[in-house]
Every structure is written in C-alpha cells, then in structure tokens.
Amino acid sequence: MRLRDISYRVKTPLSVVLVIILTAVILSSVLLVRAYQDSRQDLIDNTLNLGKVLARTLRPALTRDEVWQAYETIMTPLERSLADDGHERLIMVLDRSGSIFVSSQPSAHPMLTPLEELGESYSRLQALIGTRQGDSPYLAEGVDPARFVMVVPILAEDGSPMGTLILSYARALLLPRFLDTVERVILATLFVLAVLLPLGWFWGKRMTDPMVKLSTCMARVGSEPPDDIQCDLYDGGDEIGLLSARFRRMLEDLREKEQLERGVMASERLAAVGRLTAGIAHEINNPLGGMLNALSTHRRHGTPDAITARTLSLLERGLLQIKETVGALLVETRLESHALTPQDIHDIHTLILPDVHAKSLELDWAVRLVEPVALPSTQVRQIMLNLLLNALQASHPGGRVSCDLGVTRQGLCVEVINHGDPIPAEKMAHLFEPFSGSSGRGHGLGLWVTYQLVQQMDGRIEVESSEHRTLFRVVLPLRDREAA
C-alpha cells in the first residue's frame, strides 16, 4: 500500500506521533552530547585547579629536593581513587631537565628517567612542553587519544621555572558519569513520550475527524438522495470549516434542484393525465348522453313491466354515476363567478360544521378576509371545500383541524392542517392524480380537481406530511381589478 492511499485519519495522527518521537530523539541526543561535553569540561577544570594547588604545594619539596615529601603530596588526592581506578589516574612531577622527579606509579615511571624514553605518547608530550611557553596550566591535546593530559608549570617565588606537574586521566573515567546521564535522559524521554504520544495521537485524530466526516458525507453524494444525506459537519472559520459550509450549501442546492425536478415532472405528468382524462371524458359524454336520453324517452312513452322498470332504474343510476364521475374530470374555470367575499368563506364554514360535529373534531378557523378579493369565488370555494373535507376524513375522532386564510404579498394563502395519519411517501408523488386518493372514500378526484383549479388560476399547491401533521398550502395570485 502506498503512503498516499492511507487514510488521513491514520496518516495525520501517525505524523504527529513521528514528529514527537523525532523531536524527543533529537532533544535527547543534544542533551547527551551537552552532558558529555559538560562532564569533560568539569574534569578538565577540576584537574587544572587541582594542578594549581599541587604546584604551589610541591614548590618547597622541589627546592629542598625532598622526593618523599613530593611523593606524599601527589598521592594525597589519589588515595581514595587508587583502589577503584587502578592506573586510570596518574600524576608526575618533572624537574627542570624534563626527567621524572616523582610519579604516582614509580614502577612504571622510574625516577630520573627522561620523559621521552617512556614511549611515543610521552615523547609527544615532551615536545609539546618544550615548545609551550608561559606559566598558565593547559590541556595537552593530541598526546594520547585514550587519556586527558593536563600540564601545570611549577614556578618559584620569583616566577622562574622549577619543574612541571603532569596530571593524566583516562577518558574512561567519564563513562560511568555519562552512562548515568544517559540512563536518566532515557527515562525522562520515555516518560515524556508516554505522556505526549497518546495526546499527539488523540490531537491528530481530533484534527482529522472533521475532514473524515466531510469525506464520508461527500462520498454519499450521487449514491443517495440529497434529502437522505444528513451529516454532523464541523463549524469553524478555518479551511475545513469553510469547506463544510460550502458542502452544506451544495447539498441545499441539490435538494432544491431535486425538488424542482420532482415538481416539474409531477406537473408534466399531471398535465398529460389531465389532457388524457379530459379527452376520454369528452368521448364518454357523447354516447352517455344518448343513452340517458333513450332511457328518458322510454320512461315517458313506454309501458314497461315491473322487472323492466327496475332494470331501467338500475341502468339510469349507473349511467348517472358515470356522468358524475366524468363531470368531475372536466374541470373548467367559470369566469362568470363573482369576486371572492368573506361571506363565501363563511358559507364553507357552515357547510363543513356537520362533518366536524359528527367526528367530535376541534376546528381552528383563522380567516383574515375583510373585503372581496379579485378571485373567482366558485373555484376558490371548491378548492377550500375539497381540502377541508379531505382533512376531516383523515383526522381521528376527537382530533383537530386548522384552517388559516389570509392575503399576503404573494396573493391569497390558504393553509389546511390535520393531525391524522401521515401520507405515505410512495403515495406522495401521485397524490394529485385521478383515482389516487388514500382516504378509501369517494372516487379520489377531490385533490385532482383541486390541483386543476389551482393550475388554471396560475397558483401553486404544496404538501408537507410528517408524523405529527399534514399541511396543504395553496397560494393564488390576485388578479387586477379590471381583469377580475
């Protein structure tokens, strides 16, 4: 798997963790290097200070040529360390000629032995002492790679040279102290990592969670309807917050686009159904009228027996029912209707009261119409009556139905609400088609007629149905006075 294919929910926390580890390693390395340098410098400084003290103390012994006194002097600072360190510490005193006057290791460095005869490293040291002038102690660099060698001149009271003090320490003396420092640094680093790594992983995951949620939500676009995509996205002013806000707006645009497409498709389908039903209704009306005329003529001029009379009556009722159904399919605007008045609305209230009382319903009637409006009263009354009767049929006994009517900037707005069972989603798309009523009563043409009337008046009808209520909203634009 390539690094680019790993999810950011893993990549980002892992990157934070790696940065923490790398930072801890670098800081630990710097601390260890600094600790080693400090230990080395402390050893050199302490040794040079010791050398200065010993040089002043050795001055009387060299003046009187007291070898034993000089030996005791240089052995005093080594008494505690000889048992543990063996030959790791060495102190020698050279006379003016560069021969050994006294040494802390007499067997390895006999008295009066010239320094250059002790080996190659001592030869380099002798050459360095010969070329170095001055009375300051110094570190002899490059003499022995395994040891620190410090040189302290021994001067008389008048400043003339009396000899040289050499202090040599094995570099391995730094190892125990350095290893102790390494142990403490490692323990401290592990403790810090134990605290920071979980925090780093948590923080990295927290930083990527909004991006992962956004990515998951975006992946659903195209495979799910926009109305079904509900995401808890991050709100903020950073880049992810701005991207989340843009995505929300995109979802809203997709939902609006889908609703418009559904509305256009429904309108086209209903228009096609309307043209088809109107054509069928006109074709049925012609032979239907002829049959009803024939029955009427037979009743007036014939002398049928009882069985024939009953048969003719049955045929007439059936043909009249067909005529009523066909008549419902032929919705035409009656331009001769007078303008809608508050009395027309009051008549509708009077017409539905028996049905309200029959089901013990509570009717909220909020009508804010105080003067006539330029809309055909017959069509508006039919729209309101159909919507109210449907709401009454859908309500449970003892429930509540609301009717709100008023004039707004958009026109006459009518809202009818019932609190019965919601309209199933599968029926919502075909709600205004003929014979698609869900109430189980009548021929299911009420909403079809309502839709046709609203379309003829250039209005719009909307439906919202949820678990708690179903709302039908009709908005009819007002005509100007002259057109009305």
Protein backbone atom coordinates (compact mmCIF):
# COMPACT_ATOMS: atom_id res chain seq x y z
CA MET A 1 0.00 0.00 0.00
CA ARG A 2 1.32 3.41 -0.96
CA LEU A 3 1.53 6.24 1.56
CA ARG A 4 -0.89 8.35 -0.48
CA ASP A 5 -3.53 5.60 -0.19
CA ILE A 6 -3.53 5.62 3.62
CA SER A 7 -6.43 7.46 5.20
CA TYR A 8 -5.75 10.81 6.82
CA ARG A 9 -7.40 9.51 9.99
CA VAL A 10 -4.24 7.33 10.31
CA LYS A 11 -1.72 9.46 8.45
CA THR A 12 -2.20 12.65 10.46
CA PRO A 13 -2.03 11.10 13.98
CA LEU A 14 0.89 8.94 12.83
CA SER A 15 2.69 12.02 11.51
CA VAL A 16 2.16 13.82 14.82
CA VAL A 17 3.48 10.78 16.71
CA LEU A 18 6.54 10.53 14.45
CA VAL A 19 7.26 14.23 14.89
CA ILE A 20 7.04 13.82 18.67
CA ILE A 21 9.38 10.81 18.59
CA LEU A 22 11.85 12.56 16.27
CA THR A 23 11.80 15.68 18.44
CA ALA A 24 12.37 13.60 21.58
CA VAL A 25 15.28 11.74 19.95
CA ILE A 26 16.90 14.98 18.75
CA LEU A 27 16.50 16.69 22.12
CA SER A 28 17.79 13.62 23.94
CA SER A 29 20.82 13.46 21.63
CA VAL A 30 21.53 17.13 22.15
CA LEU A 31 21.23 16.70 25.91
CA LEU A 32 23.56 13.69 25.90
CA VAL A 33 26.16 15.49 23.78
CA ARG A 34 25.91 18.51 26.03
CA ALA A 35 26.14 16.30 29.13
CA TYR A 36 29.29 14.63 27.79
CA GLN A 37 30.86 17.97 26.95
CA ASP A 38 29.98 19.35 30.39
CA SER A 39 31.41 16.27 32.11
CA ARG A 40 34.59 16.50 30.07
CA GLN A 41 34.98 20.20 30.78
CA ASP A 42 34.29 19.68 34.50
CA LEU A 43 37.01 17.02 34.66
CA ILE A 44 39.50 19.27 32.88
CA ASP A 45 38.67 22.31 35.01
CA ASN A 46 38.80 20.35 38.28
CA THR A 47 42.07 18.73 37.29
CA LEU A 48 43.67 22.05 36.33
CA ASN A 49 42.53 23.61 39.61
CA LEU A 50 43.96 20.62 41.46
CA GLY A 51 47.18 21.05 39.50
CA LYS A 52 47.48 24.68 40.55
CA VAL A 53 47.10 23.73 44.21
CA LEU A 54 49.63 20.87 43.92
CA ALA A 55 52.13 23.08 42.07
CA ARG A 56 52.20 25.56 44.97
CA THR A 57 52.41 22.69 47.48
CA LEU A 58 55.31 20.97 45.62
CA ARG A 59 57.42 24.12 45.47
CA PRO A 60 59.23 23.55 48.89
CA ALA A 61 59.84 19.86 48.12
CA LEU A 62 61.49 20.70 44.81
CA THR A 63 63.52 23.46 46.40
CA ARG A 64 64.93 21.09 49.03
CA ASP A 65 64.98 18.07 46.67
CA GLU A 66 62.64 16.17 49.04
CA VAL A 67 61.41 13.25 46.88
CA TRP A 68 59.44 11.56 49.63
CA GLN A 69 57.63 14.76 50.56
CA ALA A 70 56.81 15.32 46.90
CA TYR A 71 55.51 11.74 46.60
CA GLU A 72 53.25 12.14 49.62
CA THR A 73 51.96 15.40 48.19
CA ILE A 74 50.92 13.94 44.84
CA MET A 75 49.49 10.78 46.43
CA THR A 76 47.19 12.65 48.80
CA PRO A 77 44.49 13.44 46.16
CA LEU A 78 44.76 9.88 44.75
CA GLU A 79 44.35 7.89 47.97
CA ARG A 80 40.58 7.43 47.58
CA SER A 81 40.66 6.56 43.91
CA LEU A 82 43.63 4.17 43.64
CA ALA A 83 41.69 1.15 44.89
CA ASP A 84 38.88 1.67 42.39
CA ASP A 85 40.57 3.16 39.37
CA GLY A 86 43.92 1.41 39.28
CA HIS A 87 46.05 3.23 36.70
CA GLU A 88 43.30 5.48 35.36
CA ARG A 89 44.79 8.46 37.25
CA LEU A 90 48.44 9.43 37.01
CA ILE A 91 50.40 12.34 38.48
CA MET A 92 54.05 13.00 37.63
CA VAL A 93 56.50 15.73 38.55
CA LEU A 94 59.31 16.61 36.14
CA ASP A 95 62.44 18.52 37.05
CA ARG A 96 63.90 21.37 35.04
CA SER A 97 65.60 18.94 32.61
CA GLY A 98 62.39 17.06 31.85
CA SER A 99 63.30 13.90 33.81
CA ILE A 100 60.90 12.28 36.24
CA PHE A 101 61.34 13.66 39.73
CA VAL A 102 58.48 11.68 41.29
CA SER A 103 55.46 9.69 40.00
CA SER A 104 52.31 8.18 41.46
CA GLN A 105 53.31 4.97 39.68
CA PRO A 106 57.06 4.59 40.47
CA SER A 107 57.37 1.12 38.98
CA ALA A 108 56.11 2.25 35.58
CA HIS A 109 57.87 5.61 35.67
CA PRO A 110 61.26 5.33 37.49
CA MET A 111 62.91 8.41 38.90
CA LEU A 112 65.38 10.39 36.77
CA THR A 113 64.07 8.72 33.61
CA PRO A 114 63.77 11.20 30.74
CA LEU A 115 60.14 11.60 29.73
CA GLU A 116 60.70 10.84 26.04
CA GLU A 117 62.04 7.39 26.93
CA LEU A 118 58.71 6.24 28.36
CA GLY A 119 57.05 5.85 24.97
CA GLU A 120 55.73 7.59 21.90
CA SER A 121 52.97 9.48 23.65
CA TYR A 122 55.38 10.77 26.27
CA SER A 123 57.75 11.88 23.55
CA ARG A 124 54.96 13.97 22.00
CA LEU A 125 54.20 15.37 25.45
CA GLN A 126 57.87 16.30 25.99
CA ALA A 127 57.95 18.02 22.61
CA LEU A 128 54.80 19.96 23.45
CA ILE A 129 56.18 21.06 26.85
CA GLY A 130 59.37 22.21 25.18
CA THR A 131 57.55 24.38 22.67
CA ARG A 132 54.91 25.75 25.03
CA GLN A 133 55.92 28.87 26.91
CA GLY A 134 54.15 30.63 29.74
CA ASP A 135 53.02 29.97 33.29
CA SER A 136 49.36 29.00 32.66
CA PRO A 137 48.11 25.41 33.03
CA TYR A 138 46.82 23.85 29.81
CA LEU A 139 45.37 20.71 28.27
CA ALA A 140 47.84 18.82 26.11
CA GLU A 141 45.73 17.96 23.07
CA GLY A 142 46.70 15.08 20.76
CA VAL A 143 49.22 13.45 23.09
CA ASP A 144 47.29 10.31 23.96
CA PRO A 145 43.85 9.61 22.41
CA ALA A 146 42.86 7.46 25.39
CA ARG A 147 43.71 9.98 28.11
CA PHE A 148 43.33 13.58 29.18
CA VAL A 149 46.75 15.10 29.87
CA MET A 150 47.00 18.42 31.73
CA VAL A 151 50.27 20.29 32.20
CA VAL A 152 50.84 22.74 35.08
CA PRO A 153 54.17 24.67 35.29
CA ILE A 154 55.79 24.76 38.78
CA LEU A 155 57.24 28.20 39.38
CA ALA A 156 59.45 29.60 42.12
CA GLU A 157 58.56 32.67 44.16
CA ASP A 158 60.33 34.86 41.62
CA GLY A 159 58.49 33.19 38.73
CA SER A 160 61.40 31.12 37.45
CA PRO A 161 60.56 27.56 36.31
CA MET A 162 61.29 24.79 38.82
CA GLY A 163 59.65 21.85 37.05
CA THR A 164 56.44 20.58 35.51
CA LEU A 165 53.41 18.87 37.01
CA ILE A 166 51.62 16.39 34.71
CA LEU A 167 48.17 15.08 35.55
CA SER A 168 46.84 12.30 33.31
CA TYR A 169 43.33 10.83 33.49
CA ALA A 170 41.88 8.01 31.39
CA ARG A 171 38.95 9.10 29.22
CA ALA A 172 37.08 6.05 30.51
CA LEU A 173 36.63 7.92 33.79
CA LEU A 174 33.84 9.87 32.07
CA LEU A 175 31.97 6.72 31.10
CA PRO A 176 30.20 5.94 34.44
CA ARG A 177 29.01 9.52 34.80
CA PHE A 178 27.97 9.64 31.13
CA LEU A 179 26.12 6.32 31.36
CA ASP A 180 24.29 7.58 34.44
CA THR A 181 23.31 10.69 32.48
CA VAL A 182 22.23 8.53 29.54
CA GLU A 183 20.03 6.44 31.82
CA ARG A 184 18.35 9.48 33.32
CA VAL A 185 17.83 11.11 29.92
CA ILE A 186 16.32 7.90 28.50
CA LEU A 187 13.98 7.50 31.46
CA ALA A 188 12.91 11.13 31.20
CA THR A 189 12.42 10.79 27.43
CA LEU A 190 10.34 7.63 27.84
CA PHE A 191 8.18 9.36 30.44
CA VAL A 192 7.65 12.34 28.17
CA LEU A 193 6.83 10.05 25.23
CA ALA A 194 4.39 8.06 27.36
CA VAL A 195 2.55 11.31 28.06
CA LEU A 196 2.85 13.01 24.67
CA LEU A 197 2.28 10.09 22.29
CA PRO A 198 -1.34 9.40 23.38
CA LEU A 199 -2.00 13.14 23.44
CA GLY A 200 -0.44 13.52 19.99
CA TRP A 201 -2.46 10.62 18.58
CA PHE A 202 -5.65 11.98 20.15
CA TRP A 203 -5.00 15.50 18.91
CA GLY A 204 -4.09 14.31 15.42
CA LYS A 205 -7.24 12.20 15.26
CA ARG A 206 -9.30 15.10 16.54
CA MET A 207 -7.87 17.34 13.83
CA THR A 208 -8.74 14.84 11.09
CA ASP A 209 -12.19 13.84 12.37
CA PRO A 210 -13.94 16.83 10.70
CA MET A 211 -12.17 16.10 7.42
CA VAL A 212 -13.03 12.37 7.64
CA LYS A 213 -16.69 13.18 8.36
CA LEU A 214 -16.76 15.58 5.42
CA SER A 215 -15.14 12.99 3.13
CA THR A 216 -17.60 10.29 4.25
CA CYS A 217 -20.52 12.63 3.69
CA MET A 218 -19.26 13.69 0.25
CA ALA A 219 -18.89 10.03 -0.74
CA ARG A 220 -22.65 9.58 -0.25
CA VAL A 221 -23.45 12.23 -2.86
CA GLY A 222 -24.59 10.54 -6.03
CA SER A 223 -25.41 7.22 -4.40
CA GLU A 224 -28.11 8.54 -2.03
CA PRO A 225 -30.84 11.14 -2.45
CA PRO A 226 -29.80 14.58 -1.14
CA ASP A 227 -32.73 14.56 1.32
CA ASP A 228 -31.33 11.40 2.97
CA ILE A 229 -27.84 12.87 3.46
CA GLN A 230 -27.70 14.32 6.96
CA CYS A 231 -24.18 14.97 8.27
CA ASP A 232 -22.85 16.45 11.50
CA LEU A 233 -20.15 18.63 9.95
CA TYR A 234 -17.56 20.86 11.59
CA ASP A 235 -18.31 24.56 12.06
CA GLY A 236 -15.36 26.91 12.06
CA GLY A 237 -13.54 29.66 10.25
CA ASP A 238 -10.62 27.54 9.07
CA GLU A 239 -10.30 25.77 5.73
CA ILE A 240 -12.22 22.65 6.82
CA GLY A 241 -14.99 24.80 8.29
CA LEU A 242 -15.28 26.82 5.08
CA LEU A 243 -15.29 23.62 3.03
CA SER A 244 -18.01 22.16 5.25
CA ALA A 245 -20.11 25.31 4.81
CA ARG A 246 -19.69 25.10 1.03
CA PHE A 247 -20.69 21.45 1.08
CA ARG A 248 -23.82 22.22 3.11
CA ARG A 249 -24.76 24.86 0.56
CA MET A 250 -24.14 22.38 -2.24
CA LEU A 251 -26.45 19.86 -0.52
CA GLU A 252 -29.14 22.52 -0.15
CA ASP A 253 -28.79 23.40 -3.84
CA LEU A 254 -29.05 19.71 -4.76
CA ARG A 255 -32.16 19.33 -2.60
CA GLU A 256 -33.76 22.39 -4.19
CA LYS A 257 -32.81 21.12 -7.65
CA GLU A 258 -34.28 17.70 -6.91
CA GLN A 259 -37.48 19.25 -5.55
CA LEU A 260 -37.78 21.44 -8.65
CA GLU A 261 -37.20 18.42 -10.88
CA ARG A 262 -39.83 16.44 -9.00
CA GLY A 263 -42.22 19.35 -9.26
CA VAL A 264 -41.63 19.76 -12.99
CA MET A 265 -42.02 16.02 -13.58
CA ALA A 266 -45.17 15.92 -11.47
CA SER A 267 -46.60 18.93 -13.30
CA GLU A 268 -45.84 17.40 -16.68
CA ARG A 269 -47.29 14.08 -15.63
CA LEU A 270 -50.42 15.68 -14.22
CA ALA A 271 -50.82 17.83 -17.31
CA ALA A 272 -50.54 14.75 -19.51
CA VAL A 273 -53.00 12.87 -17.31
CA GLY A 274 -55.31 15.88 -17.40
CA ARG A 275 -55.28 16.02 -21.19
CA LEU A 276 -55.88 12.29 -21.40
CA THR A 277 -58.72 12.25 -18.88
CA ALA A 278 -60.37 15.29 -20.45
CA GLY A 279 -60.24 13.64 -23.86
CA ILE A 280 -61.66 10.39 -22.50
CA ALA A 281 -64.35 12.28 -20.60
CA HIS A 282 -65.46 14.15 -23.72
CA GLU A 283 -65.59 10.91 -25.70
CA ILE A 284 -67.64 9.22 -22.99
CA ASN A 285 -70.06 12.12 -22.61
CA ASN A 286 -71.45 11.83 -26.14
CA PRO A 287 -72.70 8.18 -26.01
CA LEU A 288 -73.55 8.63 -22.34
CA GLY A 289 -75.91 11.49 -23.11
CA GLY A 290 -77.53 9.44 -25.85
CA MET A 291 -78.16 6.51 -23.52
CA LEU A 292 -79.64 8.73 -20.83
CA ASN A 293 -81.93 10.38 -23.43
CA ALA A 294 -83.01 6.93 -24.63
CA LEU A 295 -83.87 5.88 -21.09
CA SER A 296 -85.80 9.10 -20.51
CA THR A 297 -87.76 8.62 -23.79
CA HIS A 298 -88.57 5.03 -22.89
CA ARG A 299 -89.86 6.11 -19.47
CA ARG A 300 -92.16 8.74 -21.00
CA HIS A 301 -93.58 6.72 -23.90
CA GLY A 302 -93.16 3.08 -22.94
CA THR A 303 -95.23 0.81 -20.65
CA PRO A 304 -92.58 -1.42 -19.08
CA ASP A 305 -93.47 -4.16 -16.68
CA ALA A 306 -92.16 -4.17 -13.11
CA ILE A 307 -88.96 -6.12 -13.85
CA THR A 308 -88.15 -3.93 -16.85
CA ALA A 309 -88.82 -0.78 -14.80
CA ARG A 310 -86.46 -1.92 -12.09
CA THR A 311 -83.82 -2.75 -14.71
CA LEU A 312 -84.19 0.63 -16.38
CA SER A 313 -83.91 2.36 -12.99
CA LEU A 314 -80.72 0.44 -12.22
CA LEU A 315 -79.27 1.38 -15.60
CA GLU A 316 -80.16 5.01 -15.10
CA ARG A 317 -78.48 5.18 -11.67
CA GLY A 318 -75.35 3.57 -13.06
CA LEU A 319 -75.27 5.94 -16.04
CA LEU A 320 -75.80 8.94 -13.75
CA GLN A 321 -72.92 7.80 -11.55
CA ILE A 322 -70.74 7.53 -14.67
CA LYS A 323 -71.87 11.01 -15.68
CA GLU A 324 -70.97 12.40 -12.26
CA THR A 325 -67.51 10.84 -12.38
CA VAL A 326 -66.91 12.05 -15.92
CA GLY A 327 -68.13 15.52 -14.96
CA ALA A 328 -65.54 15.65 -12.16
CA LEU A 329 -62.83 15.06 -14.76
CA LEU A 330 -63.93 18.08 -16.80
CA VAL A 331 -62.63 20.97 -14.71
CA GLU A 332 -63.21 24.34 -16.36
CA THR A 333 -62.79 27.82 -14.94
CA ARG A 334 -66.09 29.66 -14.76
CA LEU A 335 -65.08 33.24 -15.50
CA GLU A 336 -68.55 34.46 -14.68
CA SER A 337 -68.02 33.79 -10.93
CA HIS A 338 -68.15 36.85 -8.74
CA ALA A 339 -65.17 38.00 -6.68
CA LEU A 340 -64.46 36.08 -3.50
CA THR A 341 -66.08 37.66 -0.45
CA PRO A 342 -65.90 36.97 3.31
CA GLN A 343 -69.48 35.58 3.05
CA ASP A 344 -68.25 32.87 0.64
CA ILE A 345 -65.73 31.72 3.21
CA HIS A 346 -68.38 31.81 5.93
CA ASP A 347 -70.59 29.55 3.77
CA ILE A 348 -67.79 26.98 3.60
CA HIS A 349 -67.52 27.06 7.38
CA THR A 350 -71.25 26.41 7.62
CA LEU A 351 -71.07 23.51 5.12
CA ILE A 352 -68.35 21.58 6.99
CA LEU A 353 -69.70 22.05 10.52
CA PRO A 354 -71.90 18.91 10.39
CA ASP A 355 -68.88 16.76 9.49
CA VAL A 356 -66.84 18.44 12.27
CA HIS A 357 -69.51 17.67 14.87
CA ALA A 358 -70.00 14.12 13.57
CA LYS A 359 -66.38 13.23 14.41
CA SER A 360 -66.16 15.44 17.53
CA LEU A 361 -63.33 17.41 15.98
CA GLU A 362 -61.85 20.70 17.10
CA LEU A 363 -61.82 23.26 14.29
CA ASP A 364 -59.34 26.15 14.40
CA TRP A 365 -60.79 28.70 11.98
CA ALA A 366 -58.47 31.66 11.35
CA VAL A 367 -59.79 33.72 8.42
CA ARG A 368 -58.38 37.21 7.87
CA LEU A 369 -60.50 38.35 4.92
CA VAL A 370 -62.46 41.55 5.46
CA GLU A 371 -63.15 42.65 1.87
CA PRO A 372 -63.65 40.98 -1.54
CA VAL A 373 -60.57 39.84 -3.44
CA ALA A 374 -60.20 39.50 -7.21
CA LEU A 375 -60.50 35.71 -7.42
CA PRO A 376 -63.37 33.59 -8.78
CA SER A 377 -65.42 32.61 -5.75
CA THR A 378 -66.74 29.33 -7.18
CA GLN A 379 -63.26 27.90 -7.83
CA VAL A 380 -61.80 29.10 -4.51
CA ARG A 381 -64.80 27.68 -2.62
CA GLN A 382 -64.33 24.34 -4.40
CA ILE A 383 -60.61 24.28 -3.54
CA MET A 384 -61.20 25.03 0.12
CA LEU A 385 -64.08 22.59 0.40
CA ASN A 386 -62.06 19.75 -1.13
CA LEU A 387 -59.08 20.38 1.15
CA LEU A 388 -61.22 20.69 4.28
CA LEU A 389 -63.23 17.55 3.54
CA ASN A 390 -60.02 15.58 2.96
CA ALA A 391 -58.61 16.92 6.25
CA LEU A 392 -61.79 15.94 8.11
CA GLN A 393 -61.72 12.43 6.63
CA ALA A 394 -58.03 11.99 7.53
CA SER A 395 -58.47 13.15 11.15
CA HIS A 396 -59.09 10.78 14.01
CA PRO A 397 -62.23 11.31 16.14
CA GLY A 398 -61.58 13.98 18.74
CA GLY A 399 -58.67 15.40 16.73
CA ARG A 400 -58.07 18.89 15.45
CA VAL A 401 -58.26 20.53 12.03
CA SER A 402 -56.92 24.01 11.31
CA CYS A 403 -57.77 26.42 8.52
CA ASP A 404 -55.82 29.60 8.02
CA LEU A 405 -56.69 32.07 5.24
CA GLY A 406 -55.29 35.49 4.54
CA VAL A 407 -53.98 37.83 1.88
CA THR A 408 -50.21 38.21 1.61
CA ARG A 409 -47.86 39.85 -0.88
CA GLN A 410 -47.95 36.63 -2.91
CA GLY A 411 -51.74 36.52 -3.06
CA LEU A 412 -54.47 34.61 -1.26
CA CYS A 413 -52.85 32.00 1.02
CA VAL A 414 -54.89 29.06 2.34
CA GLU A 415 -53.44 26.52 4.79
CA VAL A 416 -55.36 23.44 5.91
CA ILE A 417 -53.77 21.24 8.61
CA ASN A 418 -54.87 17.93 10.06
CA HIS A 419 -53.19 15.78 12.70
CA GLY A 420 -54.19 12.37 11.42
CA ASP A 421 -52.02 9.66 9.89
CA PRO A 422 -49.24 10.93 7.61
CA ILE A 423 -49.40 10.43 3.85
CA PRO A 424 -47.16 7.51 2.84
CA ALA A 425 -44.08 8.51 0.87
CA GLU A 426 -44.95 6.18 -2.01
CA LYS A 427 -48.29 7.97 -2.50
CA MET A 428 -46.93 11.49 -2.19
CA ALA A 429 -45.60 11.57 -5.77
CA HIS A 430 -49.03 10.56 -7.19
CA LEU A 431 -51.18 12.50 -4.72
CA PHE A 432 -52.86 14.77 -7.29
CA GLU A 433 -53.52 12.14 -9.93
CA PRO A 434 -57.09 10.97 -10.57
CA PHE A 435 -58.30 7.97 -8.56
CA SER A 436 -55.23 8.01 -6.31
CA GLY A 437 -56.99 9.11 -3.12
CA SER A 438 -55.84 7.40 0.07
CA SER A 439 -58.91 8.01 2.16
CA GLY A 440 -60.76 4.97 0.89
CA ARG A 441 -63.91 7.03 0.29
CA GLY A 442 -65.30 8.54 -2.96
CA HIS A 443 -63.67 8.30 -6.34
CA GLY A 444 -60.42 10.04 -5.31
CA LEU A 445 -60.92 13.05 -7.60
CA GLY A 446 -61.01 15.78 -4.93
CA LEU A 447 -57.29 16.53 -4.96
CA TRP A 448 -57.16 16.10 -8.74
CA VAL A 449 -59.87 18.74 -9.16
CA THR A 450 -58.15 20.97 -6.61
CA TYR A 451 -54.85 20.75 -8.48
CA GLN A 452 -56.50 21.53 -11.81
CA LEU A 453 -58.28 24.56 -10.38
CA VAL A 454 -55.09 25.88 -8.78
CA GLN A 455 -53.18 25.48 -12.06
CA GLN A 456 -55.92 27.27 -14.03
CA MET A 457 -55.57 30.25 -11.66
CA ASP A 458 -51.74 30.25 -12.01
CA GLY A 459 -51.34 29.35 -8.37
CA ARG A 460 -49.36 26.68 -6.57
CA ILE A 461 -50.21 23.94 -4.10
CA GLU A 462 -47.74 22.43 -1.61
CA VAL A 463 -47.98 19.44 0.71
CA GLU A 464 -45.98 18.70 3.87
CA SER A 465 -46.70 15.47 5.73
CA SER A 466 -44.92 14.24 8.86
CA GLU A 467 -45.68 12.05 11.82
CA HIS A 468 -47.48 14.83 13.67
CA ARG A 469 -49.34 16.74 10.99
CA THR A 470 -50.22 17.09 7.30
CA LEU A 471 -50.31 20.55 5.73
CA PHE A 472 -51.86 21.61 2.41
CA ARG A 473 -50.90 25.12 1.35
CA VAL A 474 -52.46 26.90 -1.64
CA VAL A 475 -51.26 30.29 -2.90
CA LEU A 476 -53.39 32.03 -5.55
CA PRO A 477 -52.10 35.25 -7.12
CA LEU A 478 -54.66 38.05 -7.14
CA ARG A 479 -55.95 39.35 -10.44
CA ASP A 480 -56.07 43.05 -11.09
CA ARG A 481 -59.42 44.75 -10.73
CA GLU A 482 -60.07 45.25 -14.42
CA ALA A 483 -59.28 41.62 -15.31
CA ALA A 484 -61.46 40.43 -12.48
